[in-house]
C-alpha cells in the first residue's frame, strides 16, 4: 500500500492494495465478489480438523501446536463434507496476513452463516481472543466452526467469515455519532445513543402476528452451497404473538428483527456490539459487521432492519416489544469505498425485514 492510510476502517480499494503488496496473501486467486465495501470474505481451505474442544492458541503457541494436542481426525472438504451439529472443527483458511504496524483485523460470521446458528470464529497463531487479529500480525488464519442448530455440508472455497482492517483509532464517539445522525439519519425514529446506537426488538409488526422463527431441534442437513433451496417449515417453527411479548426458552435459537430501520452512510461502518449481561437472560448471538451503504437510502436500502440472532440462557425469559436488545458501534472509514452495499455490490439483505438466510426458499 502506498503511504499510510488515514485512521479508520479500510475501504475496498485499500484492501485491493493490501493484496497487491503482499499484506494479504492467498493460496488461490481472490475471486470476484470476495471484496466488500469495507471487508474481505475469507475462504475455507481443503481440510477440516475435528477437535475435542474449542481453543485459543495462547501467546506462546501456534494453532498447529494446539491441533497436535486436540485433533481427533481430518475431513477432506474438497468435495464437500458434513460438519455435524454439536461438534467442533478447525479449518485453515486460504488467506493469510502480514499486517503493517498500527493495523489490526476483526472478523465476524457472514450474515447468512449467523442466521443458521453456525458458530464460526477466526483464530490466529499466538492469539488470545476470537475474531481479533493483533496489530502487525503475520501468519495463517484459521476458523473454528461449531454447528449449533443444524448439521451442514461445507466445501473448500466457501466464504463463512469476513474480516475488516482497522488503522489506528476508528470508533465514533457518541458526540460524533449524534452529529452524523443529524446530518444523515442513521435510524428511524429517535436515536438512542450511548456507547453506540441502541436498537430494540419488534414484536408488534404492522399487519401480522409473525414476529420470528425458532429453530427446530431435529432436522436434516443444510448444504451451504444450495441457495433458495430448503423449505423453511422443515427447519423452523414460526413464532407468533398478538400480545407484544414472547417467552424465550433456554437453549433455543430464534430469528427476530429490530424495530428500527438502520442506515450506514458511505463514510461509516458498524459492528454489532457483544451482548451485555445486564440486559437479561439472553444474548444477540453473533456480532456482525454492517458495510457502508447498508440501509442507506441512496443505495436502495430505505427501511433495512437488523436481523437478530437470539439465544436464551439458563432461565425462560420474557422479551417485550421495544425492549433494547443491543447496540451498533459505528466506526469511521479510512476512505470512501468505490462500491456501496446494495448499490454496486449485490445484496441479499438490503431493504430487509424479518428474513431467514438465503439458503431457504421464500415463503
Protein backbone atom coordinates (compact mmCIF):
# COMPACT_ATOMS: atom_id res chain seq x y z
CA UNK A 1 0.00 0.00 0.00
CA UNK A 2 1.40 3.38 -0.96
CA UNK A 3 1.75 5.55 2.14
CA UNK A 4 -0.09 5.12 5.43
CA UNK A 5 -3.89 5.16 5.21
CA UNK A 6 -5.93 7.60 7.25
CA UNK A 7 -7.24 6.31 10.57
CA UNK A 8 -10.38 4.26 10.12
CA UNK A 9 -11.72 1.04 8.61
CA UNK A 10 -10.08 0.31 5.28
CA UNK A 11 -12.23 0.59 2.14
CA UNK A 12 -12.44 -1.86 -0.76
CA UNK A 13 -9.73 -0.25 -2.91
CA UNK A 14 -7.39 -0.18 0.09
CA UNK A 15 -7.98 -3.91 0.64
CA UNK A 16 -7.09 -4.47 -3.02
CA UNK A 17 -3.86 -2.54 -2.41
CA UNK A 18 -3.09 -4.84 0.55
CA UNK A 19 -3.45 -7.81 -1.79
CA UNK A 20 -1.19 -6.19 -4.37
CA UNK A 21 1.63 -5.55 -1.93
CA UNK A 22 1.51 -8.86 -0.07
CA UNK A 23 -0.10 -7.74 3.19
CA UNK A 24 -2.87 -10.18 2.28
CA UNK A 25 -1.82 -13.40 0.54
CA UNK A 26 -3.93 -16.31 -0.70
CA UNK A 27 -3.23 -19.85 -1.88
CA UNK A 28 -5.80 -19.29 -4.65
CA UNK A 29 -6.51 -16.04 -6.55
CA UNK A 30 -9.09 -13.76 -4.98
CA UNK A 31 -12.41 -14.12 -6.79
CA UNK A 32 -14.98 -11.56 -7.92
CA UNK A 33 -17.28 -10.50 -5.11
CA UNK A 34 -14.89 -11.51 -2.35
CA UNK A 35 -14.05 -7.88 -1.54
CA UNK A 36 -16.96 -5.96 0.00
CA UNK A 37 -17.12 -2.17 0.56
CA UNK A 38 -15.24 -2.45 3.88
CA UNK A 39 -14.43 -6.13 4.30
CA UNK A 40 -12.84 -9.21 2.76
CA UNK A 41 -14.62 -12.56 2.68
CA UNK A 42 -12.43 -15.45 3.86
CA UNK A 43 -12.46 -18.87 2.17
CA UNK A 44 -12.32 -22.36 3.64
CA UNK A 45 -9.24 -24.43 2.86
CA UNK A 46 -9.10 -28.07 1.87
CA UNK A 47 -9.28 -29.83 5.23
CA UNK A 48 -11.26 -29.63 8.47
CA UNK A 49 -9.86 -30.97 11.73
CA UNK A 50 -12.37 -32.40 14.17
CA UNK A 51 -11.16 -31.37 17.62
CA UNK A 52 -12.11 -32.34 21.15
CA UNK A 53 -12.87 -28.79 22.27
CA UNK A 54 -12.78 -25.17 21.25
CA UNK A 55 -9.45 -23.47 21.96
CA UNK A 56 -7.31 -20.39 21.55
CA UNK A 57 -3.63 -20.79 20.70
CA UNK A 58 -2.39 -18.60 23.56
CA UNK A 59 0.52 -16.19 23.42
CA UNK A 60 3.28 -18.82 23.25
CA UNK A 61 1.72 -21.38 20.90
CA UNK A 62 0.58 -21.72 17.31
CA UNK A 63 -2.74 -23.18 16.18
CA UNK A 64 -0.79 -26.13 14.75
CA UNK A 65 0.64 -26.77 18.24
CA UNK A 66 -2.87 -26.91 19.68
CA UNK A 67 -4.16 -29.10 16.85
CA UNK A 68 -1.47 -31.67 17.68
CA UNK A 69 -2.99 -31.84 21.18
CA UNK A 70 -6.71 -31.80 20.39
CA UNK A 71 -7.14 -33.12 16.85
CA UNK A 72 -9.34 -36.22 16.53
CA UNK A 73 -9.42 -36.74 12.76
CA UNK A 74 -9.15 -34.95 9.41
CA UNK A 75 -12.01 -34.37 6.94
CA UNK A 76 -11.45 -33.63 3.26
CA UNK A 77 -13.51 -30.58 2.25
CA UNK A 78 -12.61 -30.53 -1.44
CA UNK A 79 -15.74 -32.43 -2.47
CA UNK A 80 -17.91 -31.19 0.41
CA UNK A 81 -18.32 -32.87 3.80
CA UNK A 82 -20.83 -32.92 6.64
CA UNK A 83 -19.93 -30.92 9.75
CA UNK A 84 -22.13 -32.34 12.48
CA UNK A 85 -24.25 -30.40 14.92
CA UNK A 86 -22.61 -30.09 18.34
CA UNK A 87 -19.09 -30.88 17.09
CA UNK A 88 -16.11 -28.51 16.86
CA UNK A 89 -13.91 -28.21 13.77
CA UNK A 90 -10.89 -26.10 12.86
CA UNK A 91 -10.29 -25.23 9.19
CA UNK A 92 -7.18 -23.47 7.81
CA UNK A 93 -8.26 -20.58 5.59
CA UNK A 94 -6.97 -19.86 2.10
CA UNK A 95 -5.99 -16.29 3.10
CA UNK A 96 -3.03 -15.29 5.29
CA UNK A 97 -1.94 -11.89 6.62
CA UNK A 98 1.15 -9.77 7.09
CA UNK A 99 -0.20 -6.61 8.68
CA UNK A 100 1.86 -3.42 8.99
CA UNK A 101 2.38 -1.61 12.32
CA UNK A 102 -0.74 0.18 13.51
CA UNK A 103 -3.14 -2.11 11.64
CA UNK A 104 -5.39 -4.74 13.22
CA UNK A 105 -8.07 -7.07 11.91
CA UNK A 106 -11.51 -8.06 13.18
CA UNK A 107 -13.54 -10.98 11.86
CA UNK A 108 -17.20 -11.98 12.01
CA UNK A 109 -19.54 -14.59 10.61
CA UNK A 110 -21.28 -13.51 7.42
CA UNK A 111 -25.00 -12.72 7.74
CA UNK A 112 -26.27 -15.96 6.23
CA UNK A 113 -24.00 -18.03 8.46
CA UNK A 114 -25.13 -16.34 11.66
CA UNK A 115 -28.75 -16.91 10.68
CA UNK A 116 -28.05 -20.66 10.54
CA UNK A 117 -26.82 -20.64 14.16
CA UNK A 118 -23.44 -21.69 12.84
CA UNK A 119 -20.80 -20.54 15.31
CA UNK A 120 -17.72 -19.57 13.28
CA UNK A 121 -14.77 -17.73 14.84
CA UNK A 122 -11.41 -16.82 13.37
CA UNK A 123 -8.31 -17.79 15.36
CA UNK A 124 -4.63 -16.93 14.86
CA UNK A 125 -1.26 -18.15 15.99
CA UNK A 126 -0.37 -16.78 19.44
CA UNK A 127 -3.91 -15.41 19.70
CA UNK A 128 -5.79 -14.88 22.95
CA UNK A 129 -9.09 -13.60 21.51
CA UNK A 130 -11.53 -14.99 18.99
CA UNK A 131 -12.16 -12.92 15.85
CA UNK A 132 -9.38 -10.45 16.61
CA UNK A 133 -6.12 -10.18 14.67
CA UNK A 134 -3.49 -8.24 16.64
CA UNK A 135 -1.51 -5.30 15.35
CA UNK A 136 1.21 -6.29 12.92
CA UNK A 137 0.19 -9.98 12.83
CA UNK A 138 1.98 -12.10 10.26
CA UNK A 139 0.80 -15.66 9.74
CA UNK A 140 -2.01 -18.00 8.78
CA UNK A 141 -5.70 -17.69 9.62
CA UNK A 142 -7.98 -20.47 10.82
CA UNK A 143 -11.69 -20.67 11.50
CA UNK A 144 -13.33 -22.66 14.28
CA UNK A 145 -16.74 -23.99 13.21
CA UNK A 146 -19.36 -25.33 15.58
CA UNK A 147 -22.82 -26.02 14.11
CA UNK A 148 -25.35 -25.33 16.88
CA UNK A 149 -28.83 -25.94 15.42
CA UNK A 150 -28.24 -27.68 12.07
CA UNK A 151 -25.60 -30.01 10.66
CA UNK A 152 -24.17 -28.52 7.46
CA UNK A 153 -22.30 -29.53 4.31
CA UNK A 154 -19.24 -27.31 3.83
CA UNK A 155 -16.78 -27.22 0.94
CA UNK A 156 -13.39 -25.74 0.07
CA UNK A 157 -13.66 -22.14 -1.13
CA UNK A 158 -16.91 -21.31 0.64
CA UNK A 159 -16.97 -18.00 2.49
CA UNK A 160 -18.36 -18.23 6.01
CA UNK A 161 -16.49 -15.32 7.58
CA UNK A 162 -15.42 -11.79 6.74
CA UNK A 163 -12.65 -9.57 8.04
CA UNK A 164 -12.23 -5.82 8.31
CA UNK A 165 -8.96 -3.96 8.74
CA UNK A 166 -8.60 -1.07 11.17
CA UNK A 167 -5.87 1.53 11.03
CA UNK A 168 -5.42 3.46 14.26
CA UNK A 169 -8.46 4.92 16.00
CA UNK A 170 -11.72 4.06 14.26
CA UNK A 171 -14.56 4.35 16.79
CA UNK A 172 -17.01 7.23 16.65
CA UNK A 173 -17.72 8.97 19.92
CA UNK A 174 -21.34 9.46 20.95
CA UNK A 175 -20.99 13.15 20.02
CA UNK A 176 -19.70 12.24 16.55
CA UNK A 177 -22.49 9.70 16.13
CA UNK A 178 -25.11 12.27 17.09
CA UNK A 179 -23.63 14.71 14.58
CA UNK A 180 -23.73 12.03 11.89
CA UNK A 181 -27.37 11.28 12.70
CA UNK A 182 -28.24 14.98 12.48
CA UNK A 183 -26.63 15.16 9.03
CA UNK A 184 -27.81 11.81 7.64
CA UNK A 185 -30.33 9.92 9.80
CA UNK A 186 -28.88 6.56 10.81
CA UNK A 187 -32.04 5.17 12.39
CA UNK A 188 -35.80 5.58 12.06
CA UNK A 189 -37.44 7.32 15.00
CA UNK A 190 -35.50 8.63 17.97
CA UNK A 191 -31.80 7.79 18.08
CA UNK A 192 -30.82 6.15 21.39
CA UNK A 193 -27.11 6.91 21.51
CA UNK A 194 -24.97 5.62 24.38
CA UNK A 195 -21.66 3.95 23.52
CA UNK A 196 -23.16 3.34 20.10
CA UNK A 197 -26.67 3.20 18.67
CA UNK A 198 -29.18 1.20 20.68
CA UNK A 199 -31.74 -0.93 18.88
CA UNK A 200 -34.82 -2.79 20.11
CA UNK A 201 -36.87 -5.83 19.09
CA UNK A 202 -40.05 -5.68 17.00
CA UNK A 203 -42.80 -7.88 18.47
CA UNK A 204 -45.71 -5.84 17.06
CA UNK A 205 -45.17 -5.95 13.28
CA UNK A 206 -47.64 -3.98 11.22
CA UNK A 207 -50.33 -6.17 9.67
CA UNK A 208 -49.05 -9.51 11.00
CA UNK A 209 -48.60 -11.56 14.15
CA UNK A 210 -45.49 -13.32 12.78
CA UNK A 211 -42.59 -11.97 14.85
CA UNK A 212 -39.86 -14.53 14.28
CA UNK A 213 -38.68 -18.08 13.79
CA UNK A 214 -37.40 -20.72 16.20
CA UNK A 215 -35.01 -23.46 15.05
CA UNK A 216 -36.46 -26.96 15.20
CA UNK A 217 -34.38 -29.39 17.29
CA UNK A 218 -34.22 -32.36 14.88
CA UNK A 219 -33.77 -31.54 11.21
CA UNK A 220 -31.92 -32.59 8.07
CA UNK A 221 -28.56 -31.33 6.88
CA UNK A 222 -28.17 -27.92 5.18
CA UNK A 223 -25.78 -27.74 2.23
CA UNK A 224 -24.18 -24.29 2.42
CA UNK A 225 -23.85 -24.25 -1.37
CA UNK A 226 -27.58 -24.54 -2.03
CA UNK A 227 -29.43 -21.21 -2.13
CA UNK A 228 -33.22 -20.65 -2.02
CA UNK A 229 -33.44 -24.44 -1.75
CA UNK A 230 -34.82 -25.56 1.60
CA UNK A 231 -38.41 -25.45 2.87
CA UNK A 232 -38.40 -23.22 5.95
CA UNK A 233 -41.14 -25.34 7.57
CA UNK A 234 -38.75 -28.30 7.78
CA UNK A 235 -36.23 -26.33 9.83
CA UNK A 236 -38.10 -23.53 11.59
CA UNK A 237 -41.19 -23.04 13.72
CA UNK A 238 -42.99 -19.74 13.26
CA UNK A 239 -43.18 -17.54 16.34
CA UNK A 240 -46.44 -15.59 16.51
CA UNK A 241 -47.94 -13.27 19.09
CA UNK A 242 -50.56 -10.56 19.26
CA UNK A 243 -49.61 -9.63 22.83
CA UNK A 244 -46.35 -7.79 22.17
CA UNK A 245 -44.21 -10.27 24.09
CA UNK A 246 -42.83 -13.80 23.81
CA UNK A 247 -41.13 -16.19 26.22
CA UNK A 248 -37.69 -17.34 25.15
CA UNK A 249 -36.94 -20.96 26.01
CA UNK A 250 -33.49 -21.85 27.43
CA UNK A 251 -31.17 -23.23 24.76
CA UNK A 252 -33.49 -22.30 21.87
CA UNK A 253 -32.33 -20.24 18.90
CA UNK A 254 -34.54 -17.52 17.42
CA UNK A 255 -34.51 -15.24 14.39
CA UNK A 256 -36.15 -11.91 15.26
CA UNK A 257 -35.91 -8.41 13.80
CA UNK A 258 -35.16 -4.93 15.08
CA UNK A 259 -37.99 -2.41 15.43
CA UNK A 260 -35.80 0.30 13.93
CA UNK A 261 -34.63 0.68 10.37
CA UNK A 262 -30.88 1.25 10.37
CA UNK A 263 -28.62 3.10 7.93
CA UNK A 264 -24.85 3.03 7.48
CA UNK A 265 -23.70 6.10 5.48
CA UNK A 266 -20.85 5.75 2.94
CA UNK A 267 -18.10 7.02 5.24
CA UNK A 268 -19.10 4.77 8.16
CA UNK A 269 -19.08 1.10 9.06
CA UNK A 270 -20.68 -0.56 12.06
CA UNK A 271 -20.34 -3.64 14.24
CA UNK A 272 -22.99 -5.21 16.42
CA UNK A 273 -21.64 -4.97 19.96
CA UNK A 274 -21.32 -8.05 22.16
CA UNK A 275 -24.16 -8.94 24.47
CA UNK A 276 -24.28 -7.18 27.84
CA UNK A 277 -25.34 -9.47 30.71
CA UNK A 278 -27.45 -6.82 32.44
CA UNK A 279 -29.97 -6.87 29.58
CA UNK A 280 -31.41 -10.25 30.62
CA UNK A 281 -31.12 -13.99 30.28
CA UNK A 282 -30.45 -13.98 26.54
CA UNK A 283 -27.99 -12.65 24.04
CA UNK A 284 -27.98 -11.39 20.49
CA UNK A 285 -25.95 -14.36 19.38
CA UNK A 286 -23.48 -13.18 16.80
CA UNK A 287 -21.61 -9.93 16.46
CA UNK A 288 -21.72 -8.83 12.85
CA UNK A 289 -20.44 -6.15 10.50
CA UNK A 290 -22.53 -3.70 8.54
CA UNK A 291 -20.82 -2.40 5.40
CA UNK A 292 -21.10 1.21 4.17
CA UNK A 293 -24.40 1.59 2.34
CA UNK A 294 -26.46 -0.88 4.40
CA UNK A 295 -29.91 0.64 4.80
CA UNK A 296 -28.74 3.84 3.14
CA UNK A 297 -31.50 5.40 1.04
CA UNK A 298 -29.21 6.36 -1.86
CA UNK A 299 -28.07 2.72 -2.05
CA UNK A 300 -31.61 1.40 -2.16
CA UNK A 301 -31.78 0.47 1.49
CA UNK A 302 -34.55 2.61 2.96
CA UNK A 303 -36.19 0.62 5.73
CA UNK A 304 -33.47 -2.00 6.30
CA UNK A 305 -33.94 -3.67 9.67
CA UNK A 306 -31.32 -5.51 11.67
CA UNK A 307 -31.98 -9.25 11.91
CA UNK A 308 -31.37 -10.53 15.42
CA UNK A 309 -29.96 -13.98 16.16
CA UNK A 310 -31.08 -14.63 19.72
CA UNK A 311 -30.30 -17.45 22.12
CA UNK A 312 -31.77 -17.73 25.62
CA UNK A 313 -29.57 -18.81 28.53
CA UNK A 314 -30.42 -20.66 31.74
CA UNK A 315 -33.92 -19.43 32.54
CA UNK A 316 -37.03 -18.73 30.44
CA UNK A 317 -37.15 -15.01 29.70
CA UNK A 318 -39.96 -12.66 28.71
CA UNK A 319 -38.92 -10.49 25.77
CA UNK A 320 -41.16 -7.48 25.15
CA UNK A 321 -41.78 -5.27 22.15
CA UNK A 322 -39.45 -2.28 22.09
CA UNK A 323 -37.00 -3.76 24.59
CA UNK A 324 -33.43 -2.67 23.90
CA UNK A 325 -31.51 -5.80 22.93
CA UNK A 326 -28.22 -4.49 21.59
CA UNK A 327 -26.26 -1.66 20.05
CA UNK A 328 -24.38 -0.85 16.91
CA UNK A 329 -20.92 0.63 17.33
CA UNK A 330 -20.17 2.98 14.43
CA UNK A 331 -16.67 3.47 13.04
CA UNK A 332 -15.02 5.95 10.71
CA UNK A 333 -13.94 4.77 7.27
CA UNK A 334 -10.34 5.48 6.24
CA UNK A 335 -11.55 6.35 2.72
CA UNK A 336 -14.70 6.42 0.63
CA UNK A 337 -15.42 2.93 -0.79
CA UNK A 338 -15.56 2.51 -4.56
CA UNK A 339 -18.75 0.44 -4.14
CA UNK A 340 -21.59 0.60 -1.62
CA UNK A 341 -23.53 -2.28 -0.12
CA UNK A 342 -26.76 -2.77 -2.03
CA UNK A 343 -25.84 -0.46 -4.89
CA UNK A 344 -22.71 -1.62 -6.76
CA UNK A 345 -22.48 -4.69 -4.50
CA UNK A 346 -25.32 -7.18 -4.94
CA UNK A 347 -27.11 -7.75 -1.64
CA UNK A 348 -29.48 -10.38 -0.36
CA UNK A 349 -30.48 -8.28 2.63
CA UNK A 350 -30.74 -4.64 1.52
CA UNK A 351 -34.17 -3.31 2.47
CA UNK A 352 -34.80 -6.39 4.59
CA UNK A 353 -37.32 -7.06 7.30
CA UNK A 354 -37.71 -10.37 9.12
CA UNK A 355 -35.80 -12.79 6.89
CA UNK A 356 -34.17 -16.20 7.11
CA UNK A 357 -30.83 -16.95 5.47
CA UNK A 358 -30.55 -17.14 1.71
CA UNK A 359 -30.46 -20.96 1.86
CA UNK A 360 -34.24 -21.10 2.36
CA UNK A 361 -36.94 -20.67 -0.25
CA UNK A 362 -39.09 -17.55 0.09
CA UNK A 363 -42.36 -18.06 1.92
